[in-house]
Amino acid sequence: MKHKILAIALLSALPLVAQAQSSVTMYGMIDASIGVENSDAPGEGSRTVVQSGTQSASRIGFRGTEDLGNGLKALFNIEAAVAADTGATNSRMFDRRAVVGLQGAFGTVTVGREYGPIAAVAGASDILGQGFYGTNLAAFGTNRLTRRLDNSINYQSNALNGFTLRAAYGAGERNETATQDTGDITGVALEYANAGFYVGAGYQNKEDLPSGDSKEYAAGAGYKFGNFEVRAGYMAAEPEFANRIDNKYEQMNAGVSYGFGASRVYLNYQQQELEVNDAEAKAITVAYTYTLSKRTNVYASYAKLRNNGAGLFSLTSPAGTIALPAAGAFGSDPQAYNIGLRHSF
């Protein structure tokens, strides 16, 4: 009888043992700010806005791992954007990331909606941490670089002497007669990080139907020494159009930050160029953050962009882009002031 009771107890404990080998975490970030922005477009004045995600995009996510034994783990991550100002989410809920994969001595393989190889280089080379107006996120979008890949298979090596290799393939899953931009995309990036020093480069090729392939490039570097940090990056996109219009887009960023006590100040310079009509814009961002706790900080920022006579560029932050009319706003100089609060959990 005692043996039967012991056997039942052991069988009952098995699910608990399996659960102990797995972990699921809910996490997120809420960022809300009040600001004044001005597009400088003809007939438009400044406006006061309450918005979500000026320093960091507000989000909620779930991630977890399961120990499969012999150094092998299963993992998943789903992450959704949340608008702190309205409570809204995007039309496809887990638009930020939705992957499942395996991790082991070979590295990490994920399948789903994932950040492309170029995204890692862009994130590591932006002194603003891809936050605030003036971030290098302006390089991603229509006829520019691709940040996230749908229907993708992705590989990331384990760091070896500071080097990390990333590779990805995104299946276009298109009808052969489709004319929209839904082609396959492939990419690779190589990064090196050691003792505060970082350098990386990446390339992606996208089949833009029906005209041809778009080529996307990114390179960046950074160094942290004491309380100082410097970051710089270059990104370019060369979409191939059927009419052979040369429409190369380029973006350069260089910035520095300095921390003292609970405070940190940031200064970033950005330049964007479009070969069509020699359009160009230059932007400057100044930001300040003050840490209240490990998970909470307040911030203030100012950014201004100057377009040349052919430029129609605008300021971009995780919160979005200050809209410029499609016509009649060439040479406008948008600017934005923001103060906000960011909390992670």
C-alpha atoms as a PDB file:
ATOM      1  CA  MET A   1       0.000   0.000   0.000  1.00  0.00           C
ATOM      2  CA  LYS A   2       2.844   2.362   0.885  1.00  0.00           C
ATOM      3  CA  HIS A   3       4.464   1.657  -2.503  1.00  0.00           C
ATOM      4  CA  LYS A   4       1.226   2.535  -4.324  1.00  0.00           C
ATOM      5  CA  ILE A   5       0.911   5.817  -2.410  1.00  0.00           C
ATOM      6  CA  LEU A   6       4.546   6.687  -3.225  1.00  0.00           C
ATOM      7  CA  ALA A   7       4.035   5.904  -6.934  1.00  0.00           C
ATOM      8  CA  ILE A   8       0.902   8.086  -7.078  1.00  0.00           C
ATOM      9  CA  ALA A   9       2.778  10.931  -5.377  1.00  0.00           C
ATOM     10  CA  LEU A  10       5.659  10.705  -7.865  1.00  0.00           C
ATOM     11  CA  LEU A  11       3.324  10.666 -10.860  1.00  0.00           C
ATOM     12  CA  SER A  12       1.453  13.665  -9.486  1.00  0.00           C
ATOM     13  CA  ALA A  13       4.726  15.568  -9.126  1.00  0.00           C
ATOM     14  CA  LEU A  14       5.832  15.093 -12.734  1.00  0.00           C
ATOM     15  CA  PRO A  15       3.871  18.040 -14.168  1.00  0.00           C
ATOM     16  CA  LEU A  16       5.320  20.212 -11.389  1.00  0.00           C
ATOM     17  CA  VAL A  17       8.843  19.143 -12.323  1.00  0.00           C
ATOM     18  CA  ALA A  18       8.213  19.975 -15.988  1.00  0.00           C
ATOM     19  CA  GLN A  19       6.765  23.313 -14.999  1.00  0.00           C
ATOM     20  CA  ALA A  20       9.832  24.073 -12.905  1.00  0.00           C
ATOM     21  CA  GLN A  21      11.981  23.599 -16.013  1.00  0.00           C
ATOM     22  CA  SER A  22       9.935  26.159 -17.969  1.00  0.00           C
ATOM     23  CA  SER A  23       9.453  29.881 -17.530  1.00  0.00           C
ATOM     24  CA  VAL A  24       6.957  32.361 -18.938  1.00  0.00           C
ATOM     25  CA  THR A  25       7.319  36.088 -18.326  1.00  0.00           C
ATOM     26  CA  MET A  26       4.904  38.916 -19.002  1.00  0.00           C
ATOM     27  CA  TYR A  27       6.698  42.220 -19.569  1.00  0.00           C
ATOM     28  CA  GLY A  28       6.108  45.600 -21.086  1.00  0.00           C
ATOM     29  CA  MET A  29       6.725  49.315 -21.203  1.00  0.00           C
ATOM     30  CA  ILE A  30       4.411  52.300 -20.982  1.00  0.00           C
ATOM     31  CA  ASP A  31       5.679  55.638 -22.252  1.00  0.00           C
ATOM     32  CA  ALA A  32       3.475  58.737 -22.339  1.00  0.00           C
ATOM     33  CA  SER A  33       4.384  62.354 -23.045  1.00  0.00           C
ATOM     34  CA  ILE A  34       2.951  65.788 -23.662  1.00  0.00           C
ATOM     35  CA  GLY A  35       4.516  67.895 -26.362  1.00  0.00           C
ATOM     36  CA  VAL A  36       4.296  70.726 -28.817  1.00  0.00           C
ATOM     37  CA  GLU A  37       5.033  69.979 -32.457  1.00  0.00           C
ATOM     38  CA  ASN A  38       5.079  72.127 -35.562  1.00  0.00           C
ATOM     39  CA  SER A  39       5.366  70.797 -39.109  1.00  0.00           C
ATOM     40  CA  ASP A  40       6.177  74.271 -40.461  1.00  0.00           C
ATOM     41  CA  ALA A  41       4.057  73.397 -43.507  1.00  0.00           C
ATOM     42  CA  PRO A  42       2.232  76.303 -45.183  1.00  0.00           C
ATOM     43  CA  GLY A  43      -1.003  77.126 -43.373  1.00  0.00           C
ATOM     44  CA  GLU A  44      -0.226  74.882 -40.419  1.00  0.00           C
ATOM     45  CA  GLY A  45       0.721  76.034 -36.912  1.00  0.00           C
ATOM     46  CA  SER A  46       1.959  74.315 -33.792  1.00  0.00           C
ATOM     47  CA  ARG A  47      -0.225  71.918 -31.837  1.00  0.00           C
ATOM     48  CA  THR A  48      -0.172  70.411 -28.374  1.00  0.00           C
ATOM     49  CA  VAL A  49      -0.218  66.604 -28.309  1.00  0.00           C
ATOM     50  CA  VAL A  50      -0.468  63.821 -25.751  1.00  0.00           C
ATOM     51  CA  GLN A  51       1.150  60.766 -27.243  1.00  0.00           C
ATOM     52  CA  SER A  52       2.527  57.329 -26.560  1.00  0.00           C
ATOM     53  CA  GLY A  53       6.092  56.204 -27.103  1.00  0.00           C
ATOM     54  CA  THR A  54       8.246  59.301 -27.544  1.00  0.00           C
ATOM     55  CA  GLN A  55      11.302  57.720 -25.898  1.00  0.00           C
ATOM     56  CA  SER A  56      10.325  54.061 -26.329  1.00  0.00           C
ATOM     57  CA  ALA A  57       7.370  52.402 -28.009  1.00  0.00           C
ATOM     58  CA  SER A  58       4.758  51.323 -25.471  1.00  0.00           C
ATOM     59  CA  ARG A  59       4.248  47.564 -25.574  1.00  0.00           C
ATOM     60  CA  ILE A  60       3.209  44.401 -23.777  1.00  0.00           C
ATOM     61  CA  GLY A  61       4.691  40.995 -24.390  1.00  0.00           C
ATOM     62  CA  PHE A  62       5.055  37.399 -23.285  1.00  0.00           C
ATOM     63  CA  ARG A  63       8.200  35.325 -23.578  1.00  0.00           C
ATOM     64  CA  GLY A  64       9.215  31.950 -22.284  1.00  0.00           C
ATOM     65  CA  THR A  65      11.624  29.073 -22.498  1.00  0.00           C
ATOM     66  CA  GLU A  66      11.457  25.352 -21.860  1.00  0.00           C
ATOM     67  CA  ASP A  67      14.500  23.263 -21.006  1.00  0.00           C
ATOM     68  CA  LEU A  68      14.484  20.265 -23.367  1.00  0.00           C
ATOM     69  CA  GLY A  69      17.667  18.771 -21.950  1.00  0.00           C
ATOM     70  CA  ASN A  70      21.182  18.348 -23.322  1.00  0.00           C
ATOM     71  CA  GLY A  71      21.615  22.132 -23.571  1.00  0.00           C
ATOM     72  CA  LEU A  72      18.605  22.555 -25.866  1.00  0.00           C
ATOM     73  CA  LYS A  73      15.791  25.027 -25.143  1.00  0.00           C
ATOM     74  CA  ALA A  74      12.505  25.860 -26.802  1.00  0.00           C
ATOM     75  CA  LEU A  75      11.512  29.523 -26.767  1.00  0.00           C
ATOM     76  CA  PHE A  76       8.731  31.851 -27.806  1.00  0.00           C
ATOM     77  CA  ASN A  77       8.065  35.587 -27.792  1.00  0.00           C
ATOM     78  CA  ILE A  78       4.951  37.534 -28.744  1.00  0.00           C
ATOM     79  CA  GLU A  79       4.870  41.313 -28.379  1.00  0.00           C
ATOM     80  CA  ALA A  80       2.120  43.829 -29.094  1.00  0.00           C
ATOM     81  CA  ALA A  81       2.192  47.605 -29.456  1.00  0.00           C
ATOM     82  CA  VAL A  82       0.009  49.574 -27.042  1.00  0.00           C
ATOM     83  CA  ALA A  83      -0.962  53.241 -27.373  1.00  0.00           C
ATOM     84  CA  ALA A  84      -0.688  54.720 -23.896  1.00  0.00           C
ATOM     85  CA  ASP A  85      -2.655  57.818 -24.923  1.00  0.00           C
ATOM     86  CA  THR A  86      -5.733  55.941 -26.196  1.00  0.00           C
ATOM     87  CA  GLY A  87      -5.325  52.311 -25.131  1.00  0.00           C
ATOM     88  CA  ALA A  88      -5.506  51.176 -28.744  1.00  0.00           C
ATOM     89  CA  THR A  89      -3.496  48.374 -30.349  1.00  0.00           C
ATOM     90  CA  ASN A  90      -2.581  47.766 -33.968  1.00  0.00           C
ATOM     91  CA  SER A  91      -4.863  45.911 -36.360  1.00  0.00           C
ATOM     92  CA  ARG A  92      -2.660  42.831 -36.087  1.00  0.00           C
ATOM     93  CA  MET A  93      -2.148  42.451 -32.382  1.00  0.00           C
ATOM     94  CA  PHE A  94       1.343  40.973 -32.020  1.00  0.00           C
ATOM     95  CA  ASP A  95       2.882  43.138 -34.725  1.00  0.00           C
ATOM     96  CA  ARG A  96       6.157  43.851 -32.939  1.00  0.00           C
ATOM     97  CA  ARG A  97       7.348  40.251 -32.670  1.00  0.00           C
ATOM     98  CA  ALA A  98       5.806  36.780 -32.896  1.00  0.00           C
ATOM     99  CA  VAL A  99       8.285  33.892 -32.962  1.00  0.00           C
ATOM    100  CA  VAL A 100       8.890  30.365 -31.771  1.00  0.00           C
ATOM    101  CA  GLY A 101      12.282  28.693 -31.891  1.00  0.00           C
ATOM    102  CA  LEU A 102      15.092  26.556 -30.547  1.00  0.00           C
ATOM    103  CA  GLN A 103      18.286  27.584 -28.777  1.00  0.00           C
ATOM    104  CA  GLY A 104      21.397  25.513 -28.152  1.00  0.00           C
ATOM    105  CA  ALA A 105      25.112  25.204 -28.761  1.00  0.00           C
ATOM    106  CA  PHE A 106      24.442  25.899 -32.449  1.00  0.00           C
ATOM    107  CA  GLY A 107      22.883  29.287 -31.700  1.00  0.00           C
ATOM    108  CA  THR A 108      19.232  30.362 -31.932  1.00  0.00           C
ATOM    109  CA  VAL A 109      16.722  29.644 -34.703  1.00  0.00           C
ATOM    110  CA  THR A 110      13.344  31.399 -34.734  1.00  0.00           C
ATOM    111  CA  VAL A 111      10.351  31.267 -37.077  1.00  0.00           C
ATOM    112  CA  GLY A 112       7.668  33.932 -37.446  1.00  0.00           C
ATOM    113  CA  ARG A 113       7.639  37.742 -37.484  1.00  0.00           C
ATOM    114  CA  GLU A 114      11.131  38.761 -36.477  1.00  0.00           C
ATOM    115  CA  TYR A 115      13.513  41.727 -36.595  1.00  0.00           C
ATOM    116  CA  GLY A 116      15.735  41.578 -39.678  1.00  0.00           C
ATOM    117  CA  PRO A 117      19.551  41.421 -39.477  1.00  0.00           C
ATOM    118  CA  ILE A 118      19.821  45.132 -40.311  1.00  0.00           C
ATOM    119  CA  ALA A 119      17.604  46.045 -37.348  1.00  0.00           C
ATOM    120  CA  ALA A 120      20.236  44.816 -34.886  1.00  0.00           C
ATOM    121  CA  VAL A 121      22.937  47.023 -36.436  1.00  0.00           C
ATOM    122  CA  ALA A 122      20.595  50.024 -36.531  1.00  0.00           C
ATOM    123  CA  GLY A 123      19.637  49.623 -32.894  1.00  0.00           C
ATOM    124  CA  ALA A 124      23.222  49.280 -31.678  1.00  0.00           C
ATOM    125  CA  SER A 125      24.452  52.361 -33.586  1.00  0.00           C
ATOM    126  CA  ASP A 126      21.789  54.888 -32.479  1.00  0.00           C
ATOM    127  CA  ILE A 127      22.844  56.967 -29.455  1.00  0.00           C
ATOM    128  CA  LEU A 128      19.156  57.744 -28.827  1.00  0.00           C
ATOM    129  CA  GLY A 129      18.370  54.042 -28.413  1.00  0.00           C
ATOM    130  CA  GLN A 130      15.924  54.413 -31.312  1.00  0.00           C
ATOM    131  CA  GLY A 131      13.916  56.813 -29.180  1.00  0.00           C
ATOM    132  CA  PHE A 132      12.944  60.503 -29.304  1.00  0.00           C
ATOM    133  CA  TYR A 133      12.378  62.540 -32.453  1.00  0.00           C
ATOM    134  CA  GLY A 134      15.437  62.316 -34.667  1.00  0.00           C
ATOM    135  CA  THR A 135      16.000  58.582 -34.148  1.00  0.00           C
ATOM    136  CA  ASN A 136      17.306  56.493 -37.033  1.00  0.00           C
ATOM    137  CA  LEU A 137      13.881  54.796 -37.282  1.00  0.00           C
ATOM    138  CA  ALA A 138      13.269  57.333 -40.060  1.00  0.00           C
ATOM    139  CA  ALA A 139      15.306  55.009 -42.297  1.00  0.00           C
ATOM    140  CA  PHE A 140      12.605  52.335 -42.202  1.00  0.00           C
ATOM    141  CA  GLY A 141       9.411  52.462 -44.252  1.00  0.00           C
ATOM    142  CA  THR A 142       8.114  52.710 -47.811  1.00  0.00           C
ATOM    143  CA  ASN A 143      10.943  52.464 -50.371  1.00  0.00           C
ATOM    144  CA  ARG A 144      13.415  52.393 -47.493  1.00  0.00           C
ATOM    145  CA  LEU A 145      14.857  49.696 -45.244  1.00  0.00           C
ATOM    146  CA  THR A 146      12.896  46.758 -43.836  1.00  0.00           C
ATOM    147  CA  ARG A 147      12.952  46.435 -40.044  1.00  0.00           C
ATOM    148  CA  ARG A 148      10.768  43.367 -39.395  1.00  0.00           C
ATOM    149  CA  LEU A 149      10.329  40.289 -41.570  1.00  0.00           C
ATOM    150  CA  ASP A 150       7.052  38.403 -41.888  1.00  0.00           C
ATOM    151  CA  ASN A 151       7.008  34.659 -42.609  1.00  0.00           C
ATOM    152  CA  SER A 152      10.690  34.470 -41.733  1.00  0.00           C
ATOM    153  CA  ILE A 153      13.272  31.912 -40.685  1.00  0.00           C
ATOM    154  CA  ASN A 154      16.073  33.473 -38.647  1.00  0.00           C
ATOM    155  CA  TYR A 155      19.428  32.408 -37.266  1.00  0.00           C
ATOM    156  CA  GLN A 156      21.650  34.058 -34.642  1.00  0.00           C
ATOM    157  CA  SER A 157      24.943  32.483 -33.651  1.00  0.00           C
ATOM    158  CA  ASN A 158      26.216  32.419 -30.109  1.00  0.00           C
ATOM    159  CA  ALA A 159      28.913  35.033 -29.532  1.00  0.00           C
ATOM    160  CA  LEU A 160      32.374  33.719 -30.457  1.00  0.00           C
ATOM    161  CA  ASN A 161      35.295  35.908 -29.388  1.00  0.00           C
ATOM    162  CA  GLY A 162      32.898  38.854 -29.521  1.00  0.00           C
ATOM    163  CA  PHE A 163      31.519  38.071 -33.008  1.00  0.00           C
ATOM    164  CA  THR A 164      27.823  37.348 -33.695  1.00  0.00           C
ATOM    165  CA  LEU A 165      26.396  36.282 -37.051  1.00  0.00           C
ATOM    166  CA  ARG A 166      22.753  36.879 -38.029  1.00  0.00           C
ATOM    167  CA  ALA A 167      20.969  35.537 -41.108  1.00  0.00           C
ATOM    168  CA  ALA A 168      17.329  35.571 -42.214  1.00  0.00           C
ATOM    169  CA  TYR A 169      14.990  34.541 -45.012  1.00  0.00           C
ATOM    170  CA  GLY A 170      11.462  35.937 -45.314  1.00  0.00           C
ATOM    171  CA  ALA A 171       9.091  34.143 -47.678  1.00  0.00           C
ATOM    172  CA  GLY A 172       7.030  36.563 -49.756  1.00  0.00           C
ATOM    173  CA  GLU A 173       4.191  34.019 -50.045  1.00  0.00           C
ATOM    174  CA  ARG A 174       2.892  35.939 -53.033  1.00  0.00           C
ATOM    175  CA  ASN A 175       0.842  35.104 -56.071  1.00  0.00           C
ATOM    176  CA  GLU A 176       3.120  35.134 -59.112  1.00  0.00           C
ATOM    177  CA  THR A 177       0.819  37.666 -60.786  1.00  0.00           C
ATOM    178  CA  ALA A 178       0.851  40.075 -57.820  1.00  0.00           C
ATOM    179  CA  THR A 179       2.161  43.573 -58.436  1.00  0.00           C
ATOM    180  CA  GLN A 180       2.536  44.776 -54.865  1.00  0.00           C
ATOM    181  CA  ASP A 181       5.798  44.802 -52.917  1.00  0.00           C
ATOM    182  CA  THR A 182       5.569  41.331 -51.355  1.00  0.00           C
ATOM    183  CA  GLY A 183       8.664  39.511 -52.574  1.00  0.00           C
ATOM    184  CA  ASP A 184      11.084  37.295 -50.710  1.00  0.00           C
ATOM    185  CA  ILE A 185      13.734  38.950 -48.559  1.00  0.00           C
ATOM    186  CA  THR A 186      17.130  37.639 -47.463  1.00  0.00           C
ATOM    187  CA  GLY A 187      19.610  39.240 -45.119  1.00  0.00           C
ATOM    188  CA  VAL A 188      22.818  38.814 -43.161  1.00  0.00           C
ATOM    189  CA  ALA A 189      24.709  40.829 -40.551  1.00  0.00           C
ATOM    190  CA  LEU A 190      27.970  40.451 -38.676  1.00  0.00           C
ATOM    191  CA  GLU A 191      28.584  42.216 -35.358  1.00  0.00           C
ATOM    192  CA  TYR A 192      31.486  42.515 -32.956  1.00  0.00           C
ATOM    193  CA  ALA A 193      31.148  43.680 -29.346  1.00  0.00           C
ATOM    194  CA  ASN A 194      33.818  43.690 -26.654  1.00  0.00           C
ATOM    195  CA  ALA A 195      34.755  45.867 -23.668  1.00  0.00           C
ATOM    196  CA  GLY A 196      32.375  48.684 -24.570  1.00  0.00           C
ATOM    197  CA  PHE A 197      33.319  48.680 -28.266  1.00  0.00           C
ATOM    198  CA  TYR A 198      30.814  47.779 -31.011  1.00  0.00           C
ATOM    199  CA  VAL A 199      30.974  47.537 -34.796  1.00  0.00           C
ATOM    200  CA  GLY A 200      28.507  45.907 -37.155  1.00  0.00           C
ATOM    201  CA  ALA A 201      27.364  45.725 -40.766  1.00  0.00           C
ATOM    202  CA  GLY A 202      24.376  44.185 -42.509  1.00  0.00           C
ATOM    203  CA  TYR A 203      22.814  43.651 -45.948  1.00  0.00           C
ATOM    204  CA  GLN A 204      19.307  42.730 -47.059  1.00  0.00           C
ATOM    205  CA  ASN A 205      17.915  42.010 -50.523  1.00  0.00           C
ATOM    206  CA  LYS A 206      14.192  42.303 -51.186  1.00  0.00           C
ATOM    207  CA  GLU A 207      12.324  41.267 -54.312  1.00  0.00           C
ATOM    208  CA  ASP A 208      10.250  44.331 -55.147  1.00  0.00           C
ATOM    209  CA  LEU A 209       7.631  43.288 -57.647  1.00  0.00           C
ATOM    210  CA  PRO A 210       7.374  43.857 -60.515  1.00  0.00           C
ATOM    211  CA  SER A 211      10.431  46.068 -60.956  1.00  0.00           C
ATOM    212  CA  GLY A 212      13.347  44.195 -59.411  1.00  0.00           C
ATOM    213  CA  ASP A 213      15.258  43.896 -56.156  1.00  0.00           C
ATOM    214  CA  SER A 214      15.769  46.468 -53.426  1.00  0.00           C
ATOM    215  CA  LYS A 215      19.163  46.485 -51.787  1.00  0.00           C
ATOM    216  CA  GLU A 216      19.450  47.605 -48.157  1.00  0.00           C
ATOM    217  CA  TYR A 217      22.656  48.375 -46.240  1.00  0.00           C
ATOM    218  CA  ALA A 218      23.559  49.257 -42.658  1.00  0.00           C
ATOM    219  CA  ALA A 219      26.839  49.847 -40.844  1.00  0.00           C
ATOM    220  CA  GLY A 220      27.512  51.255 -37.415  1.00  0.00           C
ATOM    221  CA  ALA A 221      29.950  51.611 -34.563  1.00  0.00           C
ATOM    222  CA  GLY A 222      30.015  52.722 -30.960  1.00  0.00           C
ATOM    223  CA  TYR A 223      32.183  52.981 -27.896  1.00  0.00           C
ATOM    224  CA  LYS A 224      31.393  53.449 -24.224  1.00  0.00           C
ATOM    225  CA  PHE A 225      34.104  54.758 -21.918  1.00  0.00           C
ATOM    226  CA  GLY A 226      33.306  55.828 -18.387  1.00  0.00           C
ATOM    227  CA  ASN A 227      30.220  58.034 -18.386  1.00  0.00           C
ATOM    228  CA  PHE A 228      30.578  58.890 -22.086  1.00  0.00           C
ATOM    229  CA  GLU A 229      29.143  56.994 -25.016  1.00  0.00           C
ATOM    230  CA  VAL A 230      29.430  57.668 -28.752  1.00  0.00           C
ATOM    231  CA  ARG A 231      27.444  56.009 -31.549  1.00  0.00           C
ATOM    232  CA  ALA A 232      27.351  56.491 -35.315  1.00  0.00           C
ATOM    233  CA  GLY A 233      25.660  54.718 -38.195  1.00  0.00           C
ATOM    234  CA  TYR A 234      24.958  54.732 -41.914  1.00  0.00           C
ATOM    235  CA  MET A 235      21.992  53.159 -43.702  1.00  0.00           C
ATOM    236  CA  ALA A 236      20.940  53.111 -47.337  1.00  0.00           C
ATOM    237  CA  ALA A 237      18.184  51.666 -49.515  1.00  0.00           C
ATOM    238  CA  GLU A 238      18.321  51.309 -53.300  1.00  0.00           C
ATOM    239  CA  PRO A 239      14.890  50.375 -54.657  1.00  0.00           C
ATOM    240  CA  GLU A 240      14.950  49.264 -58.284  1.00  0.00           C
ATOM    241  CA  PHE A 241      12.071  50.717 -60.255  1.00  0.00           C
ATOM    242  CA  ALA A 242      10.870  49.542 -63.641  1.00  0.00           C
ATOM    243  CA  ASN A 243      11.409  53.017 -65.102  1.00  0.00           C
ATOM    244  CA  ARG A 244      14.977  53.002 -63.715  1.00  0.00           C
ATOM    245  CA  ILE A 245      14.569  56.187 -61.682  1.00  0.00           C
ATOM    246  CA  ASP A 246      17.560  56.529 -59.377  1.00  0.00           C
ATOM    247  CA  ASN A 247      15.890  56.876 -55.970  1.00  0.00           C
ATOM    248  CA  LYS A 248      18.591  55.881 -53.487  1.00  0.00           C
ATOM    249  CA  TYR A 249      17.887  56.855 -49.875  1.00  0.00           C
ATOM    250  CA  GLU A 250      20.720  57.457 -47.390  1.00  0.00           C
ATOM    251  CA  GLN A 251      20.795  58.303 -43.703  1.00  0.00           C
ATOM    252  CA  MET A 252      23.743  59.158 -41.442  1.00  0.00           C
ATOM    253  CA  ASN A 253      23.668  59.550 -37.651  1.00  0.00           C
ATOM    254  CA  ALA A 254      26.319  60.546 -35.127  1.00  0.00           C
ATOM    255  CA  GLY A 255      25.706  61.158 -31.448  1.00  0.00           C
ATOM    256  CA  VAL A 256      27.123  61.319 -27.944  1.00  0.00           C
ATOM    257  CA  SER A 257      25.682  60.914 -24.457  1.00  0.00           C
ATOM    258  CA  TYR A 258      26.988  61.615 -20.986  1.00  0.00           C
ATOM    259  CA  GLY A 259      25.689  60.311 -17.673  1.00  0.00           C
ATOM    260  CA  PHE A 260      26.075  61.938 -14.259  1.00  0.00           C
ATOM    261  CA  GLY A 261      24.265  60.703 -11.179  1.00  0.00           C
ATOM    262  CA  ALA A 262      20.701  59.798 -12.130  1.00  0.00           C
ATOM    263  CA  SER A 263      20.862  62.058 -15.198  1.00  0.00           C
ATOM    264  CA  ARG A 264      21.900  61.485 -18.793  1.00  0.00           C
ATOM    265  CA  VAL A 265      22.063  63.950 -21.683  1.00  0.00           C
ATOM    266  CA  TYR A 266      22.030  63.098 -25.386  1.00  0.00           C
ATOM    267  CA  LEU A 267      23.027  64.965 -28.520  1.00  0.00           C
ATOM    268  CA  ASN A 268      22.451  63.521 -31.986  1.00  0.00           C
ATOM    269  CA  TYR A 269      22.968  64.784 -35.532  1.00  0.00           C
ATOM    270  CA  GLN A 270      21.138  63.198 -38.459  1.00  0.00           C
ATOM    271  CA  GLN A 271      21.316  63.711 -42.208  1.00  0.00           C
ATOM    272  CA  GLN A 272      18.965  62.208 -44.804  1.00  0.00           C
ATOM    273  CA  GLU A 273      19.334  62.309 -48.574  1.00  0.00           C
ATOM    274  CA  LEU A 274      17.265  61.187 -51.556  1.00  0.00           C
ATOM    275  CA  GLU A 275      18.900  61.183 -54.961  1.00  0.00           C
ATOM    276  CA  VAL A 276      15.750  62.296 -56.755  1.00  0.00           C
ATOM    277  CA  ASN A 277      16.027  66.093 -57.062  1.00  0.00           C
ATOM    278  CA  ASP A 278      18.947  66.006 -54.571  1.00  0.00           C
ATOM    279  CA  ALA A 279      16.576  66.247 -51.613  1.00  0.00           C
ATOM    280  CA  GLU A 280      18.351  66.630 -48.274  1.00  0.00           C
ATOM    281  CA  ALA A 281      17.564  67.267 -44.617  1.00  0.00           C
ATOM    282  CA  LYS A 282      19.626  67.798 -41.483  1.00  0.00           C
ATOM    283  CA  ALA A 283      18.309  67.304 -37.949  1.00  0.00           C
ATOM    284  CA  ILE A 284      19.521  67.843 -34.415  1.00  0.00           C
ATOM    285  CA  THR A 285      18.143  66.230 -31.238  1.00  0.00           C
ATOM    286  CA  VAL A 286      18.856  67.157 -27.626  1.00  0.00           C
ATOM    287  CA  ALA A 287      17.399  64.931 -24.895  1.00  0.00           C
ATOM    288  CA  TYR A 288      17.629  64.543 -21.130  1.00  0.00           C
ATOM    289  CA  THR A 289      16.577  61.627 -18.932  1.00  0.00           C
ATOM    290  CA  TYR A 290      16.412  61.348 -15.152  1.00  0.00           C
ATOM    291  CA  THR A 291      16.158  57.931 -13.518  1.00  0.00           C
ATOM    292  CA  LEU A 292      13.671  57.711 -10.649  1.00  0.00           C
ATOM    293  CA  SER A 293      14.128  53.971 -10.110  1.00  0.00           C
ATOM    294  CA  LYS A 294      15.393  50.894 -11.890  1.00  0.00           C
ATOM    295  CA  ARG A 295      12.230  50.813 -14.001  1.00  0.00           C
ATOM    296  CA  THR A 296      11.039  54.429 -14.192  1.00  0.00           C
ATOM    297  CA  ASN A 297      12.450  57.625 -15.676  1.00  0.00           C
ATOM    298  CA  VAL A 298      11.287  61.056 -16.774  1.00  0.00           C
ATOM    299  CA  TYR A 299      12.591  62.805 -19.878  1.00  0.00           C
ATOM    300  CA  ALA A 300      12.586  65.971 -21.943  1.00  0.00           C
ATOM    301  CA  SER A 301      13.615  66.372 -25.565  1.00  0.00           C
ATOM    302  CA  TYR A 302      13.794  68.840 -28.431  1.00  0.00           C
ATOM    303  CA  ALA A 303      14.354  68.092 -32.102  1.00  0.00           C
ATOM    304  CA  LYS A 304      14.419  70.201 -35.248  1.00  0.00           C
ATOM    305  CA  LEU A 305      14.862  69.213 -38.877  1.00  0.00           C
ATOM    306  CA  ARG A 306      15.769  71.522 -41.777  1.00  0.00           C
ATOM    307  CA  ASN A 307      14.860  70.525 -45.345  1.00  0.00           C
ATOM    308  CA  ASN A 308      16.526  71.979 -48.414  1.00  0.00           C
ATOM    309  CA  GLY A 309      14.297  73.347 -51.184  1.00  0.00           C
ATOM    310  CA  ALA A 310      13.620  69.850 -52.557  1.00  0.00           C
ATOM    311  CA  GLY A 311      13.333  68.095 -49.193  1.00  0.00           C
ATOM    312  CA  LEU A 312      10.124  66.694 -47.761  1.00  0.00           C
ATOM    313  CA  PHE A 313      11.634  64.760 -44.857  1.00  0.00           C
ATOM    314  CA  SER A 314      10.113  64.797 -41.405  1.00  0.00           C
ATOM    315  CA  LEU A 315      10.994  63.993 -37.804  1.00  0.00           C
ATOM    316  CA  THR A 316      10.374  60.428 -36.640  1.00  0.00           C
ATOM    317  CA  SER A 317      10.133  58.885 -33.160  1.00  0.00           C
ATOM    318  CA  PRO A 318       8.706  55.596 -31.856  1.00  0.00           C
ATOM    319  CA  ALA A 319       5.472  57.591 -31.420  1.00  0.00           C
ATOM    320  CA  GLY A 320       5.277  58.209 -35.164  1.00  0.00           C
ATOM    321  CA  THR A 321       6.151  60.889 -37.683  1.00  0.00           C
ATOM    322  CA  ILE A 322       5.196  64.558 -37.755  1.00  0.00           C
ATOM    323  CA  ALA A 323       3.085  64.583 -40.898  1.00  0.00           C
ATOM    324  CA  LEU A 324       3.964  66.827 -43.828  1.00  0.00           C
ATOM    325  CA  PRO A 325       1.519  67.359 -46.714  1.00  0.00           C
ATOM    326  CA  ALA A 326       2.400  65.376 -49.808  1.00  0.00           C
ATOM    327  CA  ALA A 327       2.718  68.588 -51.788  1.00  0.00           C
ATOM    328  CA  GLY A 328       3.364  72.213 -51.022  1.00  0.00           C
ATOM    329  CA  ALA A 329       5.538  71.567 -47.960  1.00  0.00           C
ATOM    330  CA  PHE A 330       8.949  71.258 -49.617  1.00  0.00           C
ATOM    331  CA  GLY A 331      11.559  73.060 -47.556  1.00  0.00           C
ATOM    332  CA  SER A 332       9.501  72.905 -44.348  1.00  0.00           C
ATOM    333  CA  ASP A 333      11.396  72.643 -41.057  1.00  0.00           C
ATOM    334  CA  PRO A 334       9.439  70.548 -38.504  1.00  0.00           C
ATOM    335  CA  GLN A 335      10.303  70.623 -34.806  1.00  0.00           C
ATOM    336  CA  ALA A 336       9.036  69.068 -31.568  1.00  0.00           C
ATOM    337  CA  TYR A 337       9.325  69.555 -27.795  1.00  0.00           C
ATOM    338  CA  ASN A 338       8.332  66.734 -25.416  1.00  0.00           C
ATOM    339  CA  ILE A 339       8.339  65.897 -21.720  1.00  0.00           C
ATOM    340  CA  GLY A 340       7.302  62.441 -20.605  1.00  0.00           C
ATOM    341  CA  LEU A 341       7.373  59.503 -18.223  1.00  0.00           C
ATOM    342  CA  ARG A 342       8.481  55.946 -19.058  1.00  0.00           C
ATOM    343  CA  HIS A 343       7.892  52.873 -16.907  1.00  0.00           C
ATOM    344  CA  SER A 344       8.876  49.271 -17.643  1.00  0.00           C
ATOM    345  CA  PHE A 345       7.523  46.149 -15.990  1.00  0.00           C
END
